[in-house]
């Protein structure tokens, strides 16, 4: 049975650097929607860059959302953000390409939350990056095809945030929507997705616990 060790961001960065892999390593930052994965990933990248001479970058899973045209055609638009609404194969192939690190630079897509659409080739990851931080809800999900991502990760981290706090953050995310739409977003999509991540993810090597 895998035991998850609680750790701080500072100690996590030190641990990643101390492992001293000659090749590019990939750290998976996983957690439910609203947990703060993007914020943590940016903070971890900053810590790594300070310790290891500007060699870290973030690669978000959300760039592999299926476009709304596909979601609408399949009747999946109300469930956007659920595990089946991502191009997992495309994300896995990009992770493999990034892991090989054979090119001078690689352009990756990034999800633009202001328009709810992924922008293609929106971030450049140069060959000099030694510590890549992949972040997303389902990186440790114990079901096909997500579990095939596991062997690509050198370090895994889970954000542990109470469900009540997640609900508060997600409600704030959709505060500008009409009440009926906001309730539907929360109760029919975001919160079910959050519960799935918490109950269905494989144990991470490390966890970072929310502190109010």
C-alpha atoms as a PDB file:
ATOM      1  CA  UNK A   1       0.000   0.000   0.000  1.00  0.00           C
ATOM      2  CA  UNK A   2       1.354   3.434  -0.981  1.00  0.00           C
ATOM      3  CA  UNK A   3       1.662   5.943   1.858  1.00  0.00           C
ATOM      4  CA  UNK A   4       1.284   9.608   0.942  1.00  0.00           C
ATOM      5  CA  UNK A   5       3.667  11.992   2.702  1.00  0.00           C
ATOM      6  CA  UNK A   6       2.490  15.477   3.641  1.00  0.00           C
ATOM      7  CA  UNK A   7       4.928  18.120   2.425  1.00  0.00           C
ATOM      8  CA  UNK A   8       5.302  21.890   1.971  1.00  0.00           C
ATOM      9  CA  UNK A   9       5.884  23.549  -1.395  1.00  0.00           C
ATOM     10  CA  UNK A  10       9.403  24.572  -0.344  1.00  0.00           C
ATOM     11  CA  UNK A  11      10.346  21.044   0.728  1.00  0.00           C
ATOM     12  CA  UNK A  12       8.771  19.593  -2.405  1.00  0.00           C
ATOM     13  CA  UNK A  13      10.909  21.841  -4.615  1.00  0.00           C
ATOM     14  CA  UNK A  14      14.020  20.852  -2.673  1.00  0.00           C
ATOM     15  CA  UNK A  15      13.151  17.158  -2.995  1.00  0.00           C
ATOM     16  CA  UNK A  16      12.668  17.437  -6.769  1.00  0.00           C
ATOM     17  CA  UNK A  17      16.008  19.220  -7.212  1.00  0.00           C
ATOM     18  CA  UNK A  18      17.859  16.835  -4.881  1.00  0.00           C
ATOM     19  CA  UNK A  19      16.741  13.846  -6.923  1.00  0.00           C
ATOM     20  CA  UNK A  20      19.166  15.175  -9.526  1.00  0.00           C
ATOM     21  CA  UNK A  21      17.939  13.398 -12.623  1.00  0.00           C
ATOM     22  CA  UNK A  22      20.125  14.008 -15.656  1.00  0.00           C
ATOM     23  CA  UNK A  23      17.091  13.962 -17.948  1.00  0.00           C
ATOM     24  CA  UNK A  24      13.931  16.060 -17.764  1.00  0.00           C
ATOM     25  CA  UNK A  25      11.633  15.006 -14.936  1.00  0.00           C
ATOM     26  CA  UNK A  26       7.866  15.472 -14.785  1.00  0.00           C
ATOM     27  CA  UNK A  27       5.974  16.280 -11.586  1.00  0.00           C
ATOM     28  CA  UNK A  28       2.214  15.682 -11.610  1.00  0.00           C
ATOM     29  CA  UNK A  29       0.174  18.146  -9.549  1.00  0.00           C
ATOM     30  CA  UNK A  30      -3.304  16.665  -9.129  1.00  0.00           C
ATOM     31  CA  UNK A  31      -6.442  17.669  -7.263  1.00  0.00           C
ATOM     32  CA  UNK A  32     -10.152  18.395  -7.658  1.00  0.00           C
ATOM     33  CA  UNK A  33     -11.496  21.474  -9.460  1.00  0.00           C
ATOM     34  CA  UNK A  34     -11.039  24.568  -7.332  1.00  0.00           C
ATOM     35  CA  UNK A  35      -8.219  23.069  -5.267  1.00  0.00           C
ATOM     36  CA  UNK A  36      -5.644  25.609  -6.460  1.00  0.00           C
ATOM     37  CA  UNK A  37      -3.550  23.465  -8.802  1.00  0.00           C
ATOM     38  CA  UNK A  38      -2.558  26.342 -11.081  1.00  0.00           C
ATOM     39  CA  UNK A  39      -1.520  28.527  -8.152  1.00  0.00           C
ATOM     40  CA  UNK A  40       0.487  25.714  -6.569  1.00  0.00           C
ATOM     41  CA  UNK A  41       2.129  24.791  -9.884  1.00  0.00           C
ATOM     42  CA  UNK A  42       3.213  28.378 -10.492  1.00  0.00           C
ATOM     43  CA  UNK A  43       4.567  28.618  -6.943  1.00  0.00           C
ATOM     44  CA  UNK A  44       6.419  25.321  -7.310  1.00  0.00           C
ATOM     45  CA  UNK A  45       7.896  26.464 -10.630  1.00  0.00           C
ATOM     46  CA  UNK A  46       9.096  29.672  -8.971  1.00  0.00           C
ATOM     47  CA  UNK A  47      10.695  27.690  -6.146  1.00  0.00           C
ATOM     48  CA  UNK A  48      12.418  25.370  -8.615  1.00  0.00           C
ATOM     49  CA  UNK A  49      13.620  28.247 -10.764  1.00  0.00           C
ATOM     50  CA  UNK A  50      15.090  29.966  -7.703  1.00  0.00           C
ATOM     51  CA  UNK A  51      16.914  26.784  -6.689  1.00  0.00           C
ATOM     52  CA  UNK A  52      17.933  25.471 -10.088  1.00  0.00           C
ATOM     53  CA  UNK A  53      18.690  28.371 -12.405  1.00  0.00           C
ATOM     54  CA  UNK A  54      15.438  29.015 -14.260  1.00  0.00           C
ATOM     55  CA  UNK A  55      14.772  25.462 -15.375  1.00  0.00           C
ATOM     56  CA  UNK A  56      11.086  24.831 -14.541  1.00  0.00           C
ATOM     57  CA  UNK A  57       7.880  25.207 -16.561  1.00  0.00           C
ATOM     58  CA  UNK A  58       4.180  24.377 -16.146  1.00  0.00           C
ATOM     59  CA  UNK A  59       2.183  22.221 -18.581  1.00  0.00           C
ATOM     60  CA  UNK A  60      -1.582  22.339 -17.828  1.00  0.00           C
ATOM     61  CA  UNK A  61      -3.825  19.410 -18.722  1.00  0.00           C
ATOM     62  CA  UNK A  62      -6.724  21.801 -19.422  1.00  0.00           C
ATOM     63  CA  UNK A  63      -5.278  22.675 -22.836  1.00  0.00           C
ATOM     64  CA  UNK A  64      -6.661  19.303 -23.951  1.00  0.00           C
ATOM     65  CA  UNK A  65     -10.342  20.057 -23.401  1.00  0.00           C
ATOM     66  CA  UNK A  66     -12.360  18.967 -26.410  1.00  0.00           C
ATOM     67  CA  UNK A  67     -13.603  22.036 -28.270  1.00  0.00           C
ATOM     68  CA  UNK A  68     -17.212  23.088 -27.668  1.00  0.00           C
ATOM     69  CA  UNK A  69     -18.096  22.089 -31.251  1.00  0.00           C
ATOM     70  CA  UNK A  70     -17.224  18.487 -30.389  1.00  0.00           C
ATOM     71  CA  UNK A  71     -18.862  18.640 -26.960  1.00  0.00           C
ATOM     72  CA  UNK A  72     -22.085  20.018 -28.436  1.00  0.00           C
ATOM     73  CA  UNK A  73     -22.136  17.392 -31.194  1.00  0.00           C
ATOM     74  CA  UNK A  74     -21.789  14.612 -28.613  1.00  0.00           C
ATOM     75  CA  UNK A  75     -24.173  16.111 -26.073  1.00  0.00           C
ATOM     76  CA  UNK A  76     -21.371  16.563 -23.544  1.00  0.00           C
ATOM     77  CA  UNK A  77     -21.331  20.358 -23.229  1.00  0.00           C
ATOM     78  CA  UNK A  78     -23.070  20.424 -19.800  1.00  0.00           C
ATOM     79  CA  UNK A  79     -20.378  18.046 -18.497  1.00  0.00           C
ATOM     80  CA  UNK A  80     -17.393  20.016 -19.794  1.00  0.00           C
ATOM     81  CA  UNK A  81     -14.506  19.304 -17.455  1.00  0.00           C
ATOM     82  CA  UNK A  82     -15.549  15.704 -16.715  1.00  0.00           C
ATOM     83  CA  UNK A  83     -12.954  12.988 -17.493  1.00  0.00           C
ATOM     84  CA  UNK A  84     -14.513  11.996 -20.829  1.00  0.00           C
ATOM     85  CA  UNK A  85     -14.386  15.575 -22.186  1.00  0.00           C
ATOM     86  CA  UNK A  86     -10.601  15.631 -22.636  1.00  0.00           C
ATOM     87  CA  UNK A  87      -8.317  14.411 -25.417  1.00  0.00           C
ATOM     88  CA  UNK A  88      -6.372  12.128 -23.086  1.00  0.00           C
ATOM     89  CA  UNK A  89      -4.465  10.474 -25.930  1.00  0.00           C
ATOM     90  CA  UNK A  90      -3.288  13.825 -27.245  1.00  0.00           C
ATOM     91  CA  UNK A  91      -2.211  14.892 -23.759  1.00  0.00           C
ATOM     92  CA  UNK A  92      -0.315  11.630 -23.227  1.00  0.00           C
ATOM     93  CA  UNK A  93       1.510  11.918 -26.553  1.00  0.00           C
ATOM     94  CA  UNK A  94       2.545  15.486 -25.717  1.00  0.00           C
ATOM     95  CA  UNK A  95       3.803  14.341 -22.303  1.00  0.00           C
ATOM     96  CA  UNK A  96       5.878  11.659 -24.047  1.00  0.00           C
ATOM     97  CA  UNK A  97       7.253  14.216 -26.490  1.00  0.00           C
ATOM     98  CA  UNK A  98       8.102  16.592 -23.647  1.00  0.00           C
ATOM     99  CA  UNK A  99       9.705  13.775 -21.660  1.00  0.00           C
ATOM    100  CA  UNK A 100      11.994  12.861 -24.560  1.00  0.00           C
ATOM    101  CA  UNK A 101      13.086  16.517 -24.807  1.00  0.00           C
ATOM    102  CA  UNK A 102      14.645  16.086 -28.241  1.00  0.00           C
ATOM    103  CA  UNK A 103      13.573  19.438 -29.729  1.00  0.00           C
ATOM    104  CA  UNK A 104      14.836  22.961 -29.137  1.00  0.00           C
ATOM    105  CA  UNK A 105      11.358  24.047 -28.068  1.00  0.00           C
ATOM    106  CA  UNK A 106       7.851  22.639 -27.951  1.00  0.00           C
ATOM    107  CA  UNK A 107       4.626  24.664 -28.162  1.00  0.00           C
ATOM    108  CA  UNK A 108       1.735  23.428 -25.995  1.00  0.00           C
ATOM    109  CA  UNK A 109      -1.935  24.482 -25.766  1.00  0.00           C
ATOM    110  CA  UNK A 110      -3.277  26.443 -22.811  1.00  0.00           C
ATOM    111  CA  UNK A 111      -6.914  26.748 -21.712  1.00  0.00           C
ATOM    112  CA  UNK A 112      -8.210  30.327 -21.631  1.00  0.00           C
ATOM    113  CA  UNK A 113     -10.780  30.375 -18.826  1.00  0.00           C
ATOM    114  CA  UNK A 114     -12.021  33.847 -19.835  1.00  0.00           C
ATOM    115  CA  UNK A 115     -13.491  32.372 -23.036  1.00  0.00           C
ATOM    116  CA  UNK A 116     -13.655  28.690 -21.977  1.00  0.00           C
ATOM    117  CA  UNK A 117     -11.580  27.633 -24.999  1.00  0.00           C
ATOM    118  CA  UNK A 118      -8.095  26.095 -25.375  1.00  0.00           C
ATOM    119  CA  UNK A 119      -5.591  28.200 -27.306  1.00  0.00           C
ATOM    120  CA  UNK A 120      -3.292  26.109 -29.496  1.00  0.00           C
ATOM    121  CA  UNK A 121       0.503  26.615 -29.259  1.00  0.00           C
ATOM    122  CA  UNK A 122      -0.001  29.221 -26.520  1.00  0.00           C
ATOM    123  CA  UNK A 123       3.052  28.359 -24.381  1.00  0.00           C
ATOM    124  CA  UNK A 124       6.624  27.522 -25.356  1.00  0.00           C
ATOM    125  CA  UNK A 125       8.616  24.984 -23.337  1.00  0.00           C
ATOM    126  CA  UNK A 126      12.312  25.160 -24.284  1.00  0.00           C
ATOM    127  CA  UNK A 127      14.776  22.310 -24.170  1.00  0.00           C
ATOM    128  CA  UNK A 128      16.527  23.917 -21.192  1.00  0.00           C
ATOM    129  CA  UNK A 129      13.595  23.072 -18.878  1.00  0.00           C
ATOM    130  CA  UNK A 130      14.631  20.224 -16.580  1.00  0.00           C
ATOM    131  CA  UNK A 131      11.646  20.233 -14.230  1.00  0.00           C
ATOM    132  CA  UNK A 132       8.263  20.063 -15.950  1.00  0.00           C
ATOM    133  CA  UNK A 133       5.131  20.461 -13.820  1.00  0.00           C
ATOM    134  CA  UNK A 134       2.034  18.842 -15.326  1.00  0.00           C
ATOM    135  CA  UNK A 135      -1.151  19.935 -13.559  1.00  0.00           C
ATOM    136  CA  UNK A 136      -4.736  18.762 -13.822  1.00  0.00           C
ATOM    137  CA  UNK A 137      -7.715  17.122 -12.143  1.00  0.00           C
ATOM    138  CA  UNK A 138      -7.351  13.605 -13.453  1.00  0.00           C
ATOM    139  CA  UNK A 139      -3.614  12.933 -13.708  1.00  0.00           C
ATOM    140  CA  UNK A 140      -3.882  10.156 -11.099  1.00  0.00           C
ATOM    141  CA  UNK A 141      -7.373   8.907 -11.961  1.00  0.00           C
ATOM    142  CA  UNK A 142      -7.473   5.119 -11.627  1.00  0.00           C
ATOM    143  CA  UNK A 143      -9.385   4.361 -14.806  1.00  0.00           C
ATOM    144  CA  UNK A 144      -8.587   3.998 -18.503  1.00  0.00           C
ATOM    145  CA  UNK A 145      -7.190   5.871 -20.332  1.00  0.00           C
ATOM    146  CA  UNK A 146      -6.007   8.168 -17.533  1.00  0.00           C
ATOM    147  CA  UNK A 147      -4.041   5.542 -15.624  1.00  0.00           C
ATOM    148  CA  UNK A 148      -1.731   5.168 -18.647  1.00  0.00           C
ATOM    149  CA  UNK A 149      -0.238   8.547 -17.720  1.00  0.00           C
ATOM    150  CA  UNK A 150       1.241   7.217 -14.473  1.00  0.00           C
ATOM    151  CA  UNK A 151       4.549   5.831 -15.816  1.00  0.00           C
ATOM    152  CA  UNK A 152       5.408   9.255 -17.274  1.00  0.00           C
ATOM    153  CA  UNK A 153       5.511  10.975 -13.866  1.00  0.00           C
ATOM    154  CA  UNK A 154       8.633  11.057 -11.711  1.00  0.00           C
ATOM    155  CA  UNK A 155       6.928  12.772  -8.763  1.00  0.00           C
ATOM    156  CA  UNK A 156       3.222  12.967  -7.878  1.00  0.00           C
ATOM    157  CA  UNK A 157       1.482  15.515  -5.629  1.00  0.00           C
ATOM    158  CA  UNK A 158      -2.159  15.729  -4.517  1.00  0.00           C
ATOM    159  CA  UNK A 159      -3.861  18.862  -3.162  1.00  0.00           C
ATOM    160  CA  UNK A 160      -6.034  17.962  -0.197  1.00  0.00           C
ATOM    161  CA  UNK A 161      -8.815  20.546   0.188  1.00  0.00           C
ATOM    162  CA  UNK A 162     -12.080  19.972   2.138  1.00  0.00           C
ATOM    163  CA  UNK A 163     -15.190  19.658  -0.016  1.00  0.00           C
ATOM    164  CA  UNK A 164     -16.871  22.620   1.721  1.00  0.00           C
ATOM    165  CA  UNK A 165     -13.955  24.861   0.780  1.00  0.00           C
ATOM    166  CA  UNK A 166     -14.013  23.566  -2.799  1.00  0.00           C
ATOM    167  CA  UNK A 167     -17.731  24.351  -3.013  1.00  0.00           C
ATOM    168  CA  UNK A 168     -17.106  27.893  -1.782  1.00  0.00           C
ATOM    169  CA  UNK A 169     -14.335  28.478  -4.329  1.00  0.00           C
ATOM    170  CA  UNK A 170     -16.308  27.009  -7.219  1.00  0.00           C
ATOM    171  CA  UNK A 171     -19.370  29.078  -6.350  1.00  0.00           C
ATOM    172  CA  UNK A 172     -17.139  32.144  -6.472  1.00  0.00           C
ATOM    173  CA  UNK A 173     -15.803  31.051  -9.874  1.00  0.00           C
ATOM    174  CA  UNK A 174     -19.332  31.123 -11.328  1.00  0.00           C
ATOM    175  CA  UNK A 175     -20.627  34.101  -9.336  1.00  0.00           C
ATOM    176  CA  UNK A 176     -21.524  36.085 -12.467  1.00  0.00           C
ATOM    177  CA  UNK A 177     -23.902  33.405 -13.769  1.00  0.00           C
ATOM    178  CA  UNK A 178     -27.653  33.434 -13.066  1.00  0.00           C
ATOM    179  CA  UNK A 179     -28.487  31.461  -9.931  1.00  0.00           C
ATOM    180  CA  UNK A 180     -30.043  28.532 -11.818  1.00  0.00           C
ATOM    181  CA  UNK A 181     -27.012  28.201 -14.122  1.00  0.00           C
ATOM    182  CA  UNK A 182     -24.596  28.547 -11.197  1.00  0.00           C
ATOM    183  CA  UNK A 183     -26.396  25.813  -9.272  1.00  0.00           C
ATOM    184  CA  UNK A 184     -26.332  23.519 -12.303  1.00  0.00           C
ATOM    185  CA  UNK A 185     -22.591  24.116 -12.801  1.00  0.00           C
ATOM    186  CA  UNK A 186     -21.898  23.206  -9.195  1.00  0.00           C
ATOM    187  CA  UNK A 187     -24.272  20.343  -8.486  1.00  0.00           C
ATOM    188  CA  UNK A 188     -24.376  18.663 -11.897  1.00  0.00           C
ATOM    189  CA  UNK A 189     -20.744  19.009 -12.949  1.00  0.00           C
ATOM    190  CA  UNK A 190     -18.076  20.586 -10.728  1.00  0.00           C
ATOM    191  CA  UNK A 191     -18.907  18.876  -7.437  1.00  0.00           C
ATOM    192  CA  UNK A 192     -19.419  15.408  -9.011  1.00  0.00           C
ATOM    193  CA  UNK A 193     -16.048  15.879 -10.739  1.00  0.00           C
ATOM    194  CA  UNK A 194     -14.449  16.890  -7.442  1.00  0.00           C
ATOM    195  CA  UNK A 195     -15.811  13.821  -5.675  1.00  0.00           C
ATOM    196  CA  UNK A 196     -14.550  11.597  -8.484  1.00  0.00           C
ATOM    197  CA  UNK A 197     -11.045  13.013  -8.197  1.00  0.00           C
ATOM    198  CA  UNK A 198     -10.990  12.569  -4.414  1.00  0.00           C
ATOM    199  CA  UNK A 199     -12.412   9.028  -4.404  1.00  0.00           C
ATOM    200  CA  UNK A 200     -11.003   7.706  -7.685  1.00  0.00           C
ATOM    201  CA  UNK A 201      -7.394   8.876  -7.795  1.00  0.00           C
ATOM    202  CA  UNK A 202      -4.400   6.669  -7.116  1.00  0.00           C
ATOM    203  CA  UNK A 203      -2.366   7.641  -4.022  1.00  0.00           C
ATOM    204  CA  UNK A 204       0.195  10.353  -4.693  1.00  0.00           C
ATOM    205  CA  UNK A 205       3.727  10.279  -3.347  1.00  0.00           C
ATOM    206  CA  UNK A 206       3.153  13.629  -1.616  1.00  0.00           C
ATOM    207  CA  UNK A 207       0.181  15.705  -0.523  1.00  0.00           C
ATOM    208  CA  UNK A 208      -0.204  19.379   0.269  1.00  0.00           C
ATOM    209  CA  UNK A 209      -2.983  20.072   2.760  1.00  0.00           C
ATOM    210  CA  UNK A 210      -5.144  23.190   2.600  1.00  0.00           C
ATOM    211  CA  UNK A 211      -4.680  25.517   5.553  1.00  0.00           C
ATOM    212  CA  UNK A 212      -7.393  28.194   6.026  1.00  0.00           C
END
